[in-house]
Amino acid sequence: KQAFVESLDQNINLIRAYLPKENFVCEELTIGNMTKTRVAILY
């Protein structure tokens, strides 16, 4: 009964709780000329 929130770090923490593996990769980018939004590629 868990759902994501508006924090990227907390959301990745919730995913890592299900996938505690060293080959779970999180690549972070910054997108948006004004908003400078953090975006993570997960695989």
All heavy atoms as atom14 arrays in JSON, in Angstrom:
{
  "sequence": "KQAFVESLDQNINLIRAYLPKENFVCEELTIGNMTKTRVAILY",
  "atom14_mask": [
    [1, 1, 1, 1, 1, 1, 1, 1, 1, 0, 0, 0, 0, 0],
    [1, 1, 1, 1, 1, 1, 1, 1, 1, 0, 0, 0, 0, 0],
    [1, 1, 1, 1, 1, 0, 0, 0, 0, 0, 0, 0, 0, 0],
    [1, 1, 1, 1, 1, 1, 1, 1, 1, 1, 1, 0, 0, 0],
    [1, 1, 1, 1, 1, 1, 1, 0, 0, 0, 0, 0, 0, 0],
    [1, 1, 1, 1, 1, 1, 1, 1, 1, 0, 0, 0, 0, 0],
    [1, 1, 1, 1, 1, 1, 0, 0, 0, 0, 0, 0, 0, 0],
    [1, 1, 1, 1, 1, 1, 1, 1, 0, 0, 0, 0, 0, 0],
    [1, 1, 1, 1, 1, 1, 1, 1, 0, 0, 0, 0, 0, 0],
    [1, 1, 1, 1, 1, 1, 1, 1, 1, 0, 0, 0, 0, 0],
    [1, 1, 1, 1, 1, 1, 1, 1, 0, 0, 0, 0, 0, 0],
    [1, 1, 1, 1, 1, 1, 1, 1, 0, 0, 0, 0, 0, 0],
    [1, 1, 1, 1, 1, 1, 1, 1, 0, 0, 0, 0, 0, 0],
    [1, 1, 1, 1, 1, 1, 1, 1, 0, 0, 0, 0, 0, 0],
    [1, 1, 1, 1, 1, 1, 1, 1, 0, 0, 0, 0, 0, 0],
    [1, 1, 1, 1, 1, 1, 1, 1, 1, 1, 1, 0, 0, 0],
    [1, 1, 1, 1, 1, 0, 0, 0, 0, 0, 0, 0, 0, 0],
    [1, 1, 1, 1, 1, 1, 1, 1, 1, 1, 1, 1, 0, 0],
    [1, 1, 1, 1, 1, 1, 1, 1, 0, 0, 0, 0, 0, 0],
    [1, 1, 1, 1, 1, 1, 1, 0, 0, 0, 0, 0, 0, 0],
    [1, 1, 1, 1, 1, 1, 1, 1, 1, 0, 0, 0, 0, 0],
    [1, 1, 1, 1, 1, 1, 1, 1, 1, 0, 0, 0, 0, 0],
    [1, 1, 1, 1, 1, 1, 1, 1, 0, 0, 0, 0, 0, 0],
    [1, 1, 1, 1, 1, 1, 1, 1, 1, 1, 1, 0, 0, 0],
    [1, 1, 1, 1, 1, 1, 1, 0, 0, 0, 0, 0, 0, 0],
    [1, 1, 1, 1, 1, 1, 0, 0, 0, 0, 0, 0, 0, 0],
    [1, 1, 1, 1, 1, 1, 1, 1, 1, 0, 0, 0, 0, 0],
    [1, 1, 1, 1, 1, 1, 1, 1, 1, 0, 0, 0, 0, 0],
    [1, 1, 1, 1, 1, 1, 1, 1, 0, 0, 0, 0, 0, 0],
    [1, 1, 1, 1, 1, 1, 1, 0, 0, 0, 0, 0, 0, 0],
    [1, 1, 1, 1, 1, 1, 1, 1, 0, 0, 0, 0, 0, 0],
    [1, 1, 1, 1, 0, 0, 0, 0, 0, 0, 0, 0, 0, 0],
    [1, 1, 1, 1, 1, 1, 1, 1, 0, 0, 0, 0, 0, 0],
    [1, 1, 1, 1, 1, 1, 1, 1, 0, 0, 0, 0, 0, 0],
    [1, 1, 1, 1, 1, 1, 1, 0, 0, 0, 0, 0, 0, 0],
    [1, 1, 1, 1, 1, 1, 1, 1, 1, 0, 0, 0, 0, 0],
    [1, 1, 1, 1, 1, 1, 1, 0, 0, 0, 0, 0, 0, 0],
    [1, 1, 1, 1, 1, 1, 1, 1, 1, 1, 1, 0, 0, 0],
    [1, 1, 1, 1, 1, 1, 1, 0, 0, 0, 0, 0, 0, 0],
    [1, 1, 1, 1, 1, 0, 0, 0, 0, 0, 0, 0, 0, 0],
    [1, 1, 1, 1, 1, 1, 1, 1, 0, 0, 0, 0, 0, 0],
    [1, 1, 1, 1, 1, 1, 1, 1, 0, 0, 0, 0, 0, 0],
    [1, 1, 1, 1, 1, 1, 1, 1, 1, 1, 1, 1, 0, 0]
  ],
  "atom14_positions": [
    [[0.83, -1.21, 0.0], [0.0, 0.0, 0.0], [0.86, 1.26, 0.0], [0.61, 2.2, 0.72], [-0.91, 0.02, 1.24], [-1.75, -1.22, 1.42], [-2.76, -1.41, 0.28], [-3.62, -2.63, 0.52], [-4.54, -2.89, -0.6], [0.0, 0.0, 0.0], [0.0, 0.0, 0.0], [0.0, 0.0, 0.0], [0.0, 0.0, 0.0], [0.0, 0.0, 0.0]],
    [[1.9, 1.28, -0.81], [2.79, 2.43, -0.89], [2.63, 3.11, -2.24], [2.46, 2.44, -3.27], [4.25, 2.03, -0.69], [4.59, 1.58, 0.72], [6.03, 1.16, 0.83], [6.58, 0.53, -0.07], [6.67, 1.5, 1.93], [0.0, 0.0, 0.0], [0.0, 0.0, 0.0], [0.0, 0.0, 0.0], [0.0, 0.0, 0.0], [0.0, 0.0, 0.0]],
    [[2.72, 4.42, -2.24], [2.66, 5.2, -3.48], [3.8, 6.21, -3.5], [4.31, 6.6, -2.44], [1.31, 5.91, -3.61], [0.0, 0.0, 0.0], [0.0, 0.0, 0.0], [0.0, 0.0, 0.0], [0.0, 0.0, 0.0], [0.0, 0.0, 0.0], [0.0, 0.0, 0.0], [0.0, 0.0, 0.0], [0.0, 0.0, 0.0], [0.0, 0.0, 0.0]],
    [[4.19, 6.62, -4.69], [5.23, 7.62, -4.83], [4.78, 8.97, -4.3], [3.58, 9.25, -4.21], [5.63, 7.77, -6.3], [6.37, 6.59, -6.86], [5.89, 5.91, -7.97], [7.55, 6.14, -6.29], [6.56, 4.82, -8.49], [8.23, 5.05, -6.79], [7.73, 4.39, -7.9], [0.0, 0.0, 0.0], [0.0, 0.0, 0.0], [0.0, 0.0, 0.0]],
    [[5.76, 9.82, -3.97], [5.5, 11.18, -3.52], [6.2, 12.13, -4.5], [6.69, 11.71, -5.54], [5.98, 11.41, -2.08], [5.16, 10.57, -1.12], [7.46, 11.08, -1.93], [0.0, 0.0, 0.0], [0.0, 0.0, 0.0], [0.0, 0.0, 0.0], [0.0, 0.0, 0.0], [0.0, 0.0, 0.0], [0.0, 0.0, 0.0], [0.0, 0.0, 0.0]],
    [[6.27, 13.42, -4.15], [6.85, 14.4, -5.06], [8.35, 14.6, -4.87], [8.91, 15.59, -5.35], [6.14, 15.75, -4.88], [4.73, 15.8, -5.46], [3.7, 15.09, -4.62], [4.01, 14.77, -3.44], [2.59, 14.85, -5.1], [0.0, 0.0, 0.0], [0.0, 0.0, 0.0], [0.0, 0.0, 0.0], [0.0, 0.0, 0.0], [0.0, 0.0, 0.0]],
    [[9.03, 13.69, -4.21], [10.47, 13.78, -4.0], [11.17, 12.69, -4.79], [10.87, 11.5, -4.61], [10.8, 13.66, -2.51], [12.19, 13.53, -2.31], [0.0, 0.0, 0.0], [0.0, 0.0, 0.0], [0.0, 0.0, 0.0], [0.0, 0.0, 0.0], [0.0, 0.0, 0.0], [0.0, 0.0, 0.0], [0.0, 0.0, 0.0], [0.0, 0.0, 0.0]],
    [[12.08, 13.07, -5.68], [12.79, 12.09, -6.49], [13.62, 11.15, -5.63], [13.61, 9.92, -5.85], [13.67, 12.81, -7.51], [14.53, 11.93, -8.41], [13.66, 11.03, -9.27], [15.45, 12.77, -9.29], [0.0, 0.0, 0.0], [0.0, 0.0, 0.0], [0.0, 0.0, 0.0], [0.0, 0.0, 0.0], [0.0, 0.0, 0.0], [0.0, 0.0, 0.0]],
    [[14.34, 11.69, -4.66], [15.18, 10.85, -3.81], [14.36, 9.83, -3.03], [14.74, 8.66, -2.91], [15.98, 11.72, -2.84], [16.96, 12.64, -3.56], [17.42, 12.25, -4.65], [17.23, 13.73, -3.05], [0.0, 0.0, 0.0], [0.0, 0.0, 0.0], [0.0, 0.0, 0.0], [0.0, 0.0, 0.0], [0.0, 0.0, 0.0], [0.0, 0.0, 0.0]],
    [[13.22, 10.26, -2.52], [12.38, 9.35, -1.76], [11.77, 8.28, -2.67], [11.63, 7.12, -2.28], [11.27, 10.13, -1.04], [10.55, 9.34, 0.03], [9.71, 10.23, 0.93], [9.78, 11.44, 0.83], [8.92, 9.63, 1.79], [0.0, 0.0, 0.0], [0.0, 0.0, 0.0], [0.0, 0.0, 0.0], [0.0, 0.0, 0.0], [0.0, 0.0, 0.0]],
    [[11.41, 8.66, -3.89], [10.84, 7.68, -4.82], [11.86, 6.62, -5.2], [11.53, 5.43, -5.29], [10.33, 8.4, -6.07], [9.1, 9.24, -5.78], [8.43, 9.06, -4.77], [8.81, 10.17, -6.67], [0.0, 0.0, 0.0], [0.0, 0.0, 0.0], [0.0, 0.0, 0.0], [0.0, 0.0, 0.0], [0.0, 0.0, 0.0], [0.0, 0.0, 0.0]],
    [[13.1, 7.03, -5.44], [14.15, 6.05, -5.76], [14.41, 5.15, -4.57], [14.67, 3.95, -4.71], [15.42, 6.79, -6.21], [15.16, 7.54, -7.52], [16.58, 5.81, -6.38], [16.32, 8.38, -7.99], [0.0, 0.0, 0.0], [0.0, 0.0, 0.0], [0.0, 0.0, 0.0], [0.0, 0.0, 0.0], [0.0, 0.0, 0.0], [0.0, 0.0, 0.0]],
    [[14.33, 5.73, -3.35], [14.48, 4.92, -2.14], [13.41, 3.83, -2.08], [13.7, 2.68, -1.7], [14.41, 5.84, -0.92], [14.5, 5.07, 0.38], [13.51, 4.52, 0.87], [15.68, 5.04, 0.96], [0.0, 0.0, 0.0], [0.0, 0.0, 0.0], [0.0, 0.0, 0.0], [0.0, 0.0, 0.0], [0.0, 0.0, 0.0], [0.0, 0.0, 0.0]],
    [[12.17, 4.17, -2.44], [11.08, 3.19, -2.41], [11.32, 2.08, -3.43], [11.02, 0.9, -3.17], [9.75, 3.88, -2.71], [9.23, 4.86, -1.64], [7.99, 5.59, -2.14], [8.9, 4.11, -0.35], [0.0, 0.0, 0.0], [0.0, 0.0, 0.0], [0.0, 0.0, 0.0], [0.0, 0.0, 0.0], [0.0, 0.0, 0.0], [0.0, 0.0, 0.0]],
    [[11.87, 2.44, -4.59], [12.15, 1.41, -5.6], [13.3, 0.52, -5.17], [13.26, -0.7, -5.33], [12.45, 2.08, -6.96], [11.25, 2.91, -7.42], [12.8, 1.03, -8.01], [11.53, 3.75, -8.66], [0.0, 0.0, 0.0], [0.0, 0.0, 0.0], [0.0, 0.0, 0.0], [0.0, 0.0, 0.0], [0.0, 0.0, 0.0], [0.0, 0.0, 0.0]],
    [[14.34, 1.12, -4.6], [15.5, 0.33, -4.17], [15.13, -0.65, -3.05], [15.8, -1.67, -2.88], [16.62, 1.25, -3.7], [17.37, 1.95, -4.83], [18.65, 2.59, -4.36], [19.38, 3.22, -5.44], [20.22, 2.58, -6.24], [20.43, 1.28, -6.07], [20.85, 3.24, -7.2], [0.0, 0.0, 0.0], [0.0, 0.0, 0.0], [0.0, 0.0, 0.0]],
    [[14.11, -0.34, -2.29], [13.67, -1.27, -1.26], [13.2, -2.6, -1.86], [13.33, -3.66, -1.24], [12.54, -0.65, -0.44], [0.0, 0.0, 0.0], [0.0, 0.0, 0.0], [0.0, 0.0, 0.0], [0.0, 0.0, 0.0], [0.0, 0.0, 0.0], [0.0, 0.0, 0.0], [0.0, 0.0, 0.0], [0.0, 0.0, 0.0], [0.0, 0.0, 0.0]],
    [[12.66, -2.55, -3.1], [12.23, -3.77, -3.78], [13.34, -4.39, -4.61], [13.28, -5.58, -4.94], [11.04, -3.45, -4.71], [9.76, -3.15, -3.97], [9.35, -1.83, -3.78], [8.96, -4.16, -3.46], [8.17, -1.54, -3.1], [7.78, -3.89, -2.8], [7.4, -2.57, -2.61], [6.23, -2.29, -1.94], [0.0, 0.0, 0.0], [0.0, 0.0, 0.0]],
    [[14.34, -3.6, -4.99], [15.44, -4.09, -5.84], [16.79, -3.79, -5.18], [17.54, -2.91, -5.63], [15.38, -3.43, -7.22], [14.15, -3.75, -8.08], [14.14, -2.88, -9.33], [14.1, -5.22, -8.45], [0.0, 0.0, 0.0], [0.0, 0.0, 0.0], [0.0, 0.0, 0.0], [0.0, 0.0, 0.0], [0.0, 0.0, 0.0], [0.0, 0.0, 0.0]],
    [[17.12, -4.47, -4.09], [18.42, -4.22, -3.43], [19.56, -4.93, -4.15], [20.2, -5.84, -3.62], [18.18, -4.8, -2.02], [17.2, -5.9, -2.24], [16.32, -5.48, -3.38], [0.0, 0.0, 0.0], [0.0, 0.0, 0.0], [0.0, 0.0, 0.0], [0.0, 0.0, 0.0], [0.0, 0.0, 0.0], [0.0, 0.0, 0.0], [0.0, 0.0, 0.0]],
    [[19.82, -4.52, -5.38], [20.86, -5.14, -6.19], [21.87, -4.09, -6.63], [21.5, -2.94, -6.89], [20.25, -5.83, -7.41], [19.39, -7.05, -7.09], [18.89, -7.7, -8.34], [19.99, -8.31, -9.17], [20.69, -9.42, -8.51], [0.0, 0.0, 0.0], [0.0, 0.0, 0.0], [0.0, 0.0, 0.0], [0.0, 0.0, 0.0], [0.0, 0.0, 0.0]],
    [[23.11, -4.51, -6.75], [24.16, -3.58, -7.11], [24.09, -3.16, -8.59], [24.64, -2.12, -8.96], [25.55, -4.18, -6.83], [25.91, -5.39, -7.68], [25.29, -6.68, -7.19], [24.58, -6.64, -6.15], [25.5, -7.73, -7.82], [0.0, 0.0, 0.0], [0.0, 0.0, 0.0], [0.0, 0.0, 0.0], [0.0, 0.0, 0.0], [0.0, 0.0, 0.0]],
    [[23.4, -3.94, -9.43], [23.3, -3.57, -10.84], [22.06, -2.75, -11.15], [21.73, -2.55, -12.32], [23.34, -4.82, -11.73], [22.22, -5.81, -11.41], [21.62, -5.75, -10.34], [21.95, -6.7, -12.33], [0.0, 0.0, 0.0], [0.0, 0.0, 0.0], [0.0, 0.0, 0.0], [0.0, 0.0, 0.0], [0.0, 0.0, 0.0], [0.0, 0.0, 0.0]],
    [[21.35, -2.3, -10.12], [20.26, -1.36, -10.32], [20.87, 0.03, -10.47], [21.45, 0.57, -9.53], [19.28, -1.41, -9.14], [18.21, -0.35, -9.2], [17.56, -0.06, -10.38], [17.86, 0.36, -8.06], [16.58, 0.92, -10.43], [16.89, 1.34, -8.09], [16.24, 1.62, -9.29], [0.0, 0.0, 0.0], [0.0, 0.0, 0.0], [0.0, 0.0, 0.0]],
    [[20.74, 0.62, -11.66], [21.43, 1.85, -12.01], [20.44, 3.01, -12.06], [19.31, 2.86, -12.54], [22.15, 1.73, -13.37], [22.9, 3.01, -13.71], [23.11, 0.54, -13.35], [0.0, 0.0, 0.0], [0.0, 0.0, 0.0], [0.0, 0.0, 0.0], [0.0, 0.0, 0.0], [0.0, 0.0, 0.0], [0.0, 0.0, 0.0], [0.0, 0.0, 0.0]],
    [[20.88, 4.14, -11.55], [20.08, 5.37, -11.56], [20.94, 6.48, -12.16], [21.89, 6.94, -11.52], [19.61, 5.73, -10.15], [18.83, 7.34, -10.02], [0.0, 0.0, 0.0], [0.0, 0.0, 0.0], [0.0, 0.0, 0.0], [0.0, 0.0, 0.0], [0.0, 0.0, 0.0], [0.0, 0.0, 0.0], [0.0, 0.0, 0.0], [0.0, 0.0, 0.0]],
    [[20.63, 6.9, -13.39], [21.34, 7.99, -14.06], [20.51, 9.26, -13.95], [19.34, 9.26, -14.31], [21.58, 7.66, -15.53], [22.51, 6.5, -15.77], [22.76, 6.29, -17.26], [22.45, 7.22, -18.05], [23.26, 5.21, -17.63], [0.0, 0.0, 0.0], [0.0, 0.0, 0.0], [0.0, 0.0, 0.0], [0.0, 0.0, 0.0], [0.0, 0.0, 0.0]],
    [[21.11, 10.34, -13.49], [20.36, 11.58, -13.26], [20.73, 12.64, -14.3], [21.91, 12.82, -14.63], [20.62, 12.11, -11.86], [19.71, 13.27, -11.48], [19.81, 13.62, -10.01], [19.87, 12.69, -9.17], [19.84, 14.82, -9.7], [0.0, 0.0, 0.0], [0.0, 0.0, 0.0], [0.0, 0.0, 0.0], [0.0, 0.0, 0.0], [0.0, 0.0, 0.0]],
    [[19.7, 13.31, -14.82], [19.87, 14.41, -15.75], [19.11, 15.63, -15.23], [18.28, 15.5, -14.33], [19.33, 14.04, -17.14], [19.87, 12.77, -17.82], [19.07, 12.48, -19.07], [21.34, 12.95, -18.16], [0.0, 0.0, 0.0], [0.0, 0.0, 0.0], [0.0, 0.0, 0.0], [0.0, 0.0, 0.0], [0.0, 0.0, 0.0], [0.0, 0.0, 0.0]],
    [[19.4, 16.78, -15.8], [18.67, 18.01, -15.49], [18.04, 18.52, -16.78], [18.74, 18.78, -17.75], [19.59, 19.08, -14.89], [20.2, 18.57, -13.7], [18.79, 20.33, -14.55], [0.0, 0.0, 0.0], [0.0, 0.0, 0.0], [0.0, 0.0, 0.0], [0.0, 0.0, 0.0], [0.0, 0.0, 0.0], [0.0, 0.0, 0.0], [0.0, 0.0, 0.0]],
    [[16.71, 18.65, -16.77], [15.95, 19.01, -17.98], [15.04, 20.19, -17.65], [14.5, 20.28, -16.55], [15.12, 17.82, -18.48], [16.04, 16.64, -18.82], [14.29, 18.19, -19.69], [15.3, 15.39, -19.22], [0.0, 0.0, 0.0], [0.0, 0.0, 0.0], [0.0, 0.0, 0.0], [0.0, 0.0, 0.0], [0.0, 0.0, 0.0], [0.0, 0.0, 0.0]],
    [[14.87, 21.08, -18.61], [14.01, 22.24, -18.43], [14.83, 23.5, -18.33], [15.57, 23.68, -17.35], [0.0, 0.0, 0.0], [0.0, 0.0, 0.0], [0.0, 0.0, 0.0], [0.0, 0.0, 0.0], [0.0, 0.0, 0.0], [0.0, 0.0, 0.0], [0.0, 0.0, 0.0], [0.0, 0.0, 0.0], [0.0, 0.0, 0.0], [0.0, 0.0, 0.0]],
    [[14.72, 24.38, -19.3], [15.53, 25.59, -19.31], [15.21, 26.51, -18.13], [16.09, 27.23, -17.64], [15.31, 26.35, -20.62], [15.7, 25.53, -21.84], [16.59, 24.67, -21.74], [15.05, 25.75, -22.96], [0.0, 0.0, 0.0], [0.0, 0.0, 0.0], [0.0, 0.0, 0.0], [0.0, 0.0, 0.0], [0.0, 0.0, 0.0], [0.0, 0.0, 0.0]],
    [[13.96, 26.48, -17.67], [13.57, 27.32, -16.55], [13.41, 26.53, -15.26], [13.8, 26.99, -14.19], [12.26, 28.06, -16.87], [12.36, 29.05, -18.02], [10.83, 29.95, -18.3], [10.72, 30.89, -16.77], [0.0, 0.0, 0.0], [0.0, 0.0, 0.0], [0.0, 0.0, 0.0], [0.0, 0.0, 0.0], [0.0, 0.0, 0.0], [0.0, 0.0, 0.0]],
    [[12.81, 25.35, -15.35], [12.51, 24.59, -14.13], [13.72, 23.83, -13.59], [13.76, 23.51, -12.4], [11.38, 23.6, -14.41], [11.75, 22.76, -15.52], [10.09, 24.33, -14.73], [0.0, 0.0, 0.0], [0.0, 0.0, 0.0], [0.0, 0.0, 0.0], [0.0, 0.0, 0.0], [0.0, 0.0, 0.0], [0.0, 0.0, 0.0], [0.0, 0.0, 0.0]],
    [[14.7, 23.5, -14.47], [15.88, 22.72, -14.04], [15.46, 21.49, -13.26], [15.88, 21.24, -12.13], [16.81, 23.59, -13.19], [17.3, 24.87, -13.87], [18.13, 24.57, -15.1], [18.64, 25.84, -15.75], [19.41, 25.56, -16.98], [0.0, 0.0, 0.0], [0.0, 0.0, 0.0], [0.0, 0.0, 0.0], [0.0, 0.0, 0.0], [0.0, 0.0, 0.0]],
    [[14.61, 20.69, -13.88], [14.02, 19.53, -13.22], [14.98, 18.34, -13.24], [15.57, 18.02, -14.28], [12.71, 19.14, -13.92], [11.85, 20.28, -13.96], [12.0, 18.02, -13.18], [0.0, 0.0, 0.0], [0.0, 0.0, 0.0], [0.0, 0.0, 0.0], [0.0, 0.0, 0.0], [0.0, 0.0, 0.0], [0.0, 0.0, 0.0], [0.0, 0.0, 0.0]],
    [[15.11, 17.7, -12.11], [15.93, 16.49, -12.02], [15.14, 15.3, -12.56], [14.0, 15.06, -12.16], [16.34, 16.22, -10.58], [17.23, 17.29, -9.97], [17.34, 17.09, -8.47], [17.87, 15.78, -8.13], [17.61, 15.14, -6.98], [16.81, 15.69, -6.09], [18.13, 13.96, -6.74], [0.0, 0.0, 0.0], [0.0, 0.0, 0.0], [0.0, 0.0, 0.0]],
    [[15.76, 14.57, -13.47], [15.14, 13.4, -14.07], [16.11, 12.23, -13.95], [17.3, 12.38, -14.22], [14.78, 13.65, -15.55], [14.17, 12.41, -16.18], [13.81, 14.82, -15.68], [0.0, 0.0, 0.0], [0.0, 0.0, 0.0], [0.0, 0.0, 0.0], [0.0, 0.0, 0.0], [0.0, 0.0, 0.0], [0.0, 0.0, 0.0], [0.0, 0.0, 0.0]],
    [[15.59, 11.08, -13.54], [16.43, 9.9, -13.35], [16.01, 8.8, -14.32], [14.82, 8.51, -14.48], [16.33, 9.4, -11.92], [0.0, 0.0, 0.0], [0.0, 0.0, 0.0], [0.0, 0.0, 0.0], [0.0, 0.0, 0.0], [0.0, 0.0, 0.0], [0.0, 0.0, 0.0], [0.0, 0.0, 0.0], [0.0, 0.0, 0.0], [0.0, 0.0, 0.0]],
    [[17.01, 8.19, -14.97], [16.79, 7.01, -15.82], [17.1, 5.78, -14.98], [18.2, 5.65, -14.44], [17.69, 7.06, -17.07], [17.47, 8.36, -17.85], [17.41, 5.85, -17.97], [18.45, 8.53, -19.0], [0.0, 0.0, 0.0], [0.0, 0.0, 0.0], [0.0, 0.0, 0.0], [0.0, 0.0, 0.0], [0.0, 0.0, 0.0], [0.0, 0.0, 0.0]],
    [[16.15, 4.88, -14.87], [16.27, 3.71, -14.01], [16.3, 2.45, -14.87], [15.47, 2.29, -15.77], [15.1, 3.64, -13.02], [14.78, 4.93, -12.25], [13.52, 4.73, -11.43], [15.94, 5.33, -11.36], [0.0, 0.0, 0.0], [0.0, 0.0, 0.0], [0.0, 0.0, 0.0], [0.0, 0.0, 0.0], [0.0, 0.0, 0.0], [0.0, 0.0, 0.0]],
    [[17.23, 1.57, -14.59], [17.3, 0.29, -15.3], [18.19, -0.67, -14.53], [18.92, -0.27, -13.61], [17.82, 0.47, -16.73], [19.21, 1.06, -16.82], [20.33, 0.24, -16.87], [19.41, 2.43, -16.87], [21.62, 0.76, -16.96], [20.68, 2.97, -16.96], [21.78, 2.13, -17.01], [23.04, 2.67, -17.08], [0.0, 0.0, 0.0], [0.0, 0.0, 0.0]]
  ]
}
